C-alpha atoms as a PDB file:
ATOM      1  CA  MET A   1      92.567 111.649  70.921  1.00  0.00           C
ATOM      2  CA  SER A   2      93.584 114.421  73.729  1.00  0.00           C
ATOM      3  CA  ARG A   3      97.154 115.233  74.739  1.00  0.00           C
ATOM      4  CA  ILE A   4      98.964 114.163  77.675  1.00  0.00           C
ATOM      5  CA  ILE A   5     101.060 116.623  79.809  1.00  0.00           C
ATOM      6  CA  ALA A   6     103.962 115.933  82.029  1.00  0.00           C
ATOM      7  CA  ILE A   7     105.544 118.829  84.799  1.00  0.00           C
ATOM      8  CA  ASP A   8     108.382 118.724  86.274  1.00  0.00           C
ATOM      9  CA  TYR A   9     107.815 120.585  89.204  1.00  0.00           C
ATOM     10  CA  GLY A  10     110.831 122.892  91.017  1.00  0.00           C
ATOM     11  CA  THR A  11     110.119 125.310  93.466  1.00  0.00           C
ATOM     12  CA  LYS A  12     111.601 127.979  90.831  1.00  0.00           C
ATOM     13  CA  ARG A  13     111.453 126.424  87.598  1.00  0.00           C
ATOM     14  CA  THR A  14     108.715 123.871  86.218  1.00  0.00           C
ATOM     15  CA  GLY A  15     109.803 121.615  82.926  1.00  0.00           C
ATOM     16  CA  ILE A  16     106.714 120.753  80.947  1.00  0.00           C
ATOM     17  CA  ALA A  17     106.432 118.489  78.403  1.00  0.00           C
ATOM     18  CA  VAL A  18     103.381 117.147  76.178  1.00  0.00           C
ATOM     19  CA  THR A  19     102.388 114.734  73.684  1.00  0.00           C
ATOM     20  CA  ASP A  20     100.808 114.722  70.339  1.00  0.00           C
ATOM     21  CA  GLU A  21      97.449 114.042  69.978  1.00  0.00           C
ATOM     22  CA  LEU A  22      97.812 110.546  69.679  1.00  0.00           C
ATOM     23  CA  GLN A  23      99.730 110.004  72.867  1.00  0.00           C
ATOM     24  CA  MET A  24     102.545 108.432  71.074  1.00  0.00           C
ATOM     25  CA  ILE A  25     105.218 111.127  71.102  1.00  0.00           C
ATOM     26  CA  ALA A  26     106.864 112.739  74.072  1.00  0.00           C
ATOM     27  CA  SER A  27     107.844 116.563  73.571  1.00  0.00           C
ATOM     28  CA  GLY A  28     109.562 119.047  75.476  1.00  0.00           C
ATOM     29  CA  LEU A  29     106.962 122.266  75.696  1.00  0.00           C
ATOM     30  CA  THR A  30     108.653 124.872  77.441  1.00  0.00           C
ATOM     31  CA  THR A  31     109.699 125.342  81.013  1.00  0.00           C
ATOM     32  CA  VAL A  32     107.837 128.338  82.848  1.00  0.00           C
ATOM     33  CA  ALA A  33     108.558 129.879  86.435  1.00  0.00           C
ATOM     34  CA  THR A  34     106.634 128.038  88.884  1.00  0.00           C
ATOM     35  CA  LYS A  35     105.169 131.508  90.252  1.00  0.00           C
ATOM     36  CA  ASP A  36     103.354 131.577  86.933  1.00  0.00           C
ATOM     37  CA  LEU A  37     102.337 127.668  86.588  1.00  0.00           C
ATOM     38  CA  MET A  38      98.850 127.890  87.400  1.00  0.00           C
ATOM     39  CA  LYS A  39      98.140 130.448  84.991  1.00  0.00           C
ATOM     40  CA  PHE A  40     100.141 128.997  82.258  1.00  0.00           C
ATOM     41  CA  LEU A  41      98.108 125.411  82.648  1.00  0.00           C
ATOM     42  CA  LYS A  42      95.023 127.566  82.536  1.00  0.00           C
ATOM     43  CA  GLU A  43      96.158 129.232  79.105  1.00  0.00           C
ATOM     44  CA  PHE A  44      97.227 125.395  77.595  1.00  0.00           C
ATOM     45  CA  PHE A  45      94.015 123.812  78.751  1.00  0.00           C
ATOM     46  CA  LYS A  46      92.008 126.297  77.373  1.00  0.00           C
ATOM     47  CA  ASN A  47      93.531 126.191  74.026  1.00  0.00           C
ATOM     48  CA  GLU A  48      94.705 122.098  74.208  1.00  0.00           C
ATOM     49  CA  ASN A  49      92.636 119.131  74.495  1.00  0.00           C
ATOM     50  CA  VAL A  50      94.517 117.472  77.557  1.00  0.00           C
ATOM     51  CA  SER A  51      92.854 114.475  79.513  1.00  0.00           C
ATOM     52  CA  THR A  52      95.552 113.940  81.357  1.00  0.00           C
ATOM     53  CA  LEU A  53      98.481 115.847  83.821  1.00  0.00           C
ATOM     54  CA  ILE A  54     102.042 113.637  84.422  1.00  0.00           C
ATOM     55  CA  LEU A  55     103.572 114.919  87.924  1.00  0.00           C
ATOM     56  CA  GLY A  56     106.670 113.719  88.754  1.00  0.00           C
ATOM     57  CA  GLU A  57     107.125 112.639  92.140  1.00  0.00           C
ATOM     58  CA  PRO A  58     111.034 113.035  93.712  1.00  0.00           C
ATOM     59  CA  LYS A  59     112.348 110.675  95.958  1.00  0.00           C
ATOM     60  CA  ARG A  60     115.580 110.208  97.911  1.00  0.00           C
ATOM     61  CA  MET A  61     117.270 106.969  96.792  1.00  0.00           C
ATOM     62  CA  SER A  62     115.644 105.285 100.370  1.00  0.00           C
ATOM     63  CA  GLY A  63     112.186 105.590  98.649  1.00  0.00           C
ATOM     64  CA  GLU A  64     111.583 108.117 101.036  1.00  0.00           C
ATOM     65  CA  PRO A  65     109.563 111.858  99.422  1.00  0.00           C
ATOM     66  CA  SER A  66     112.340 114.961  98.643  1.00  0.00           C
ATOM     67  CA  GLU A  67     111.551 118.176 100.513  1.00  0.00           C
ATOM     68  CA  VAL A  68     109.720 119.763  97.390  1.00  0.00           C
ATOM     69  CA  GLU A  69     106.914 116.864  98.228  1.00  0.00           C
ATOM     70  CA  LYS A  70     104.914 119.143 100.294  1.00  0.00           C
ATOM     71  CA  ASP A  71     104.832 121.875  97.546  1.00  0.00           C
ATOM     72  CA  ILE A  72     103.696 119.591  94.826  1.00  0.00           C
ATOM     73  CA  LEU A  73     100.877 118.146  97.431  1.00  0.00           C
ATOM     74  CA  ARG A  74      99.680 122.317  97.763  1.00  0.00           C
ATOM     75  CA  PHE A  75      99.904 122.733  93.544  1.00  0.00           C
ATOM     76  CA  ARG A  76      98.091 119.208  92.880  1.00  0.00           C
ATOM     77  CA  GLU A  77      95.341 120.292  95.236  1.00  0.00           C
ATOM     78  CA  SER A  78      95.172 123.526  93.132  1.00  0.00           C
ATOM     79  CA  VAL A  79      94.893 122.011  89.964  1.00  0.00           C
ATOM     80  CA  GLU A  80      92.305 119.278  90.922  1.00  0.00           C
ATOM     81  CA  LYS A  81      90.040 122.296  91.884  1.00  0.00           C
ATOM     82  CA  ALA A  82      90.497 124.261  88.874  1.00  0.00           C
ATOM     83  CA  HIS A  83      90.313 121.690  86.370  1.00  0.00           C
ATOM     84  CA  PRO A  84      88.478 118.477  88.463  1.00  0.00           C
ATOM     85  CA  ASN A  85      87.979 116.568  85.072  1.00  0.00           C
ATOM     86  CA  LEU A  86      91.914 115.877  84.323  1.00  0.00           C
ATOM     87  CA  GLU A  87      93.448 113.073  85.425  1.00  0.00           C
ATOM     88  CA  ILE A  88      96.735 113.641  87.410  1.00  0.00           C
ATOM     89  CA  ILE A  89      99.030 110.325  87.930  1.00  0.00           C
ATOM     90  CA  ARG A  90     102.252 110.666  89.749  1.00  0.00           C
ATOM     91  CA  GLN A  91     105.002 109.256  88.225  1.00  0.00           C
ATOM     92  CA  ASP A  92     108.605 108.275  89.713  1.00  0.00           C
ATOM     93  CA  GLU A  93     111.161 111.349  88.831  1.00  0.00           C
ATOM     94  CA  ARG A  94     114.486 109.470  90.193  1.00  0.00           C
ATOM     95  CA  PHE A  95     117.501 110.175  87.773  1.00  0.00           C
ATOM     96  CA  THR A  96     115.763 112.292  85.366  1.00  0.00           C
ATOM     97  CA  SER A  97     117.951 115.583  85.620  1.00  0.00           C
ATOM     98  CA  LYS A  98     120.677 113.126  85.439  1.00  0.00           C
ATOM     99  CA  MET A  99     119.206 111.684  82.538  1.00  0.00           C
ATOM    100  CA  ALA A 100     118.539 115.153  81.015  1.00  0.00           C
ATOM    101  CA  PHE A 101     121.667 115.995  81.294  1.00  0.00           C
ATOM    102  CA  GLN A 102     123.494 112.733  79.446  1.00  0.00           C
ATOM    103  CA  THR A 103     121.116 113.603  77.036  1.00  0.00           C
ATOM    104  CA  MET A 104     122.270 117.087  76.245  1.00  0.00           C
ATOM    105  CA  ILE A 105     125.652 115.648  76.105  1.00  0.00           C
ATOM    106  CA  ASP A 106     125.238 113.396  74.156  1.00  0.00           C
ATOM    107  CA  SER A 107     122.954 115.842  71.424  1.00  0.00           C
ATOM    108  CA  GLY A 108     126.388 117.818  71.014  1.00  0.00           C
ATOM    109  CA  LEU A 109     125.172 120.726  73.319  1.00  0.00           C
ATOM    110  CA  GLY A 110     128.099 122.732  74.335  1.00  0.00           C
ATOM    111  CA  LYS A 111     129.041 123.430  77.479  1.00  0.00           C
ATOM    112  CA  LYS A 112     127.340 126.949  77.940  1.00  0.00           C
ATOM    113  CA  LYS A 113     124.154 125.427  77.210  1.00  0.00           C
ATOM    114  CA  ARG A 114     124.192 122.442  79.349  1.00  0.00           C
ATOM    115  CA  GLN A 115     124.160 125.495  81.872  1.00  0.00           C
ATOM    116  CA  ASN A 116     120.669 126.316  81.441  1.00  0.00           C
ATOM    117  CA  LYS A 117     119.139 124.814  83.806  1.00  0.00           C
ATOM    118  CA  ALA A 118     115.164 125.403  82.252  1.00  0.00           C
ATOM    119  CA  LEU A 119     116.680 123.215  79.424  1.00  0.00           C
ATOM    120  CA  VAL A 120     117.327 120.407  81.899  1.00  0.00           C
ATOM    121  CA  ASP A 121     113.954 120.859  83.350  1.00  0.00           C
ATOM    122  CA  GLU A 122     111.918 120.903  79.780  1.00  0.00           C
ATOM    123  CA  ILE A 123     114.249 117.485  79.109  1.00  0.00           C
ATOM    124  CA  SER A 124     113.446 116.180  82.914  1.00  0.00           C
ATOM    125  CA  ALA A 125     109.882 116.530  82.019  1.00  0.00           C
ATOM    126  CA  THR A 126     110.286 115.261  78.742  1.00  0.00           C
ATOM    127  CA  ILE A 127     111.870 111.884  80.133  1.00  0.00           C
ATOM    128  CA  ILE A 128     109.244 111.593  83.026  1.00  0.00           C
ATOM    129  CA  LEU A 129     106.504 111.475  80.400  1.00  0.00           C
ATOM    130  CA  GLN A 130     108.459 109.079  77.642  1.00  0.00           C
ATOM    131  CA  ASP A 131     108.658 106.890  81.263  1.00  0.00           C
ATOM    132  CA  TYR A 132     105.193 107.032  81.498  1.00  0.00           C
ATOM    133  CA  LEU A 133     103.754 106.623  77.913  1.00  0.00           C
ATOM    134  CA  TYR A 134     106.572 103.589  77.593  1.00  0.00           C
ATOM    135  CA  ASN A 135     104.791 101.896  81.018  1.00  0.00           C
ATOM    136  CA  LYS A 136     101.249 102.569  80.368  1.00  0.00           C
END
């Protein structure tokens, strides 16, 4: 089988999570500078069999798209051009940052480590991927 990758897209940093080849377990992979994201994905896709990309869909409480949505749509277009066979699915990502922060507290991470925004982004991507796997 192939892997599924999830992205918590941000204007500065992007959290990335990936499944195992059986698509059962979501694991945090890394956080990359968003400006380097396409380069990272190109290299990752060259080395791994990935069939699906889950792209976080940030919304306000009202259901309206957040400000970063226009950037995400441009990113999606770039991915579709570079990887036309890749299935791209949007997944609601409301509350994932709060859930990630709570996960860090629950796992006993100290205050200093909880301030690591890159780790929050990676955990958020993992939550997005877990939600997708649970609901698919």
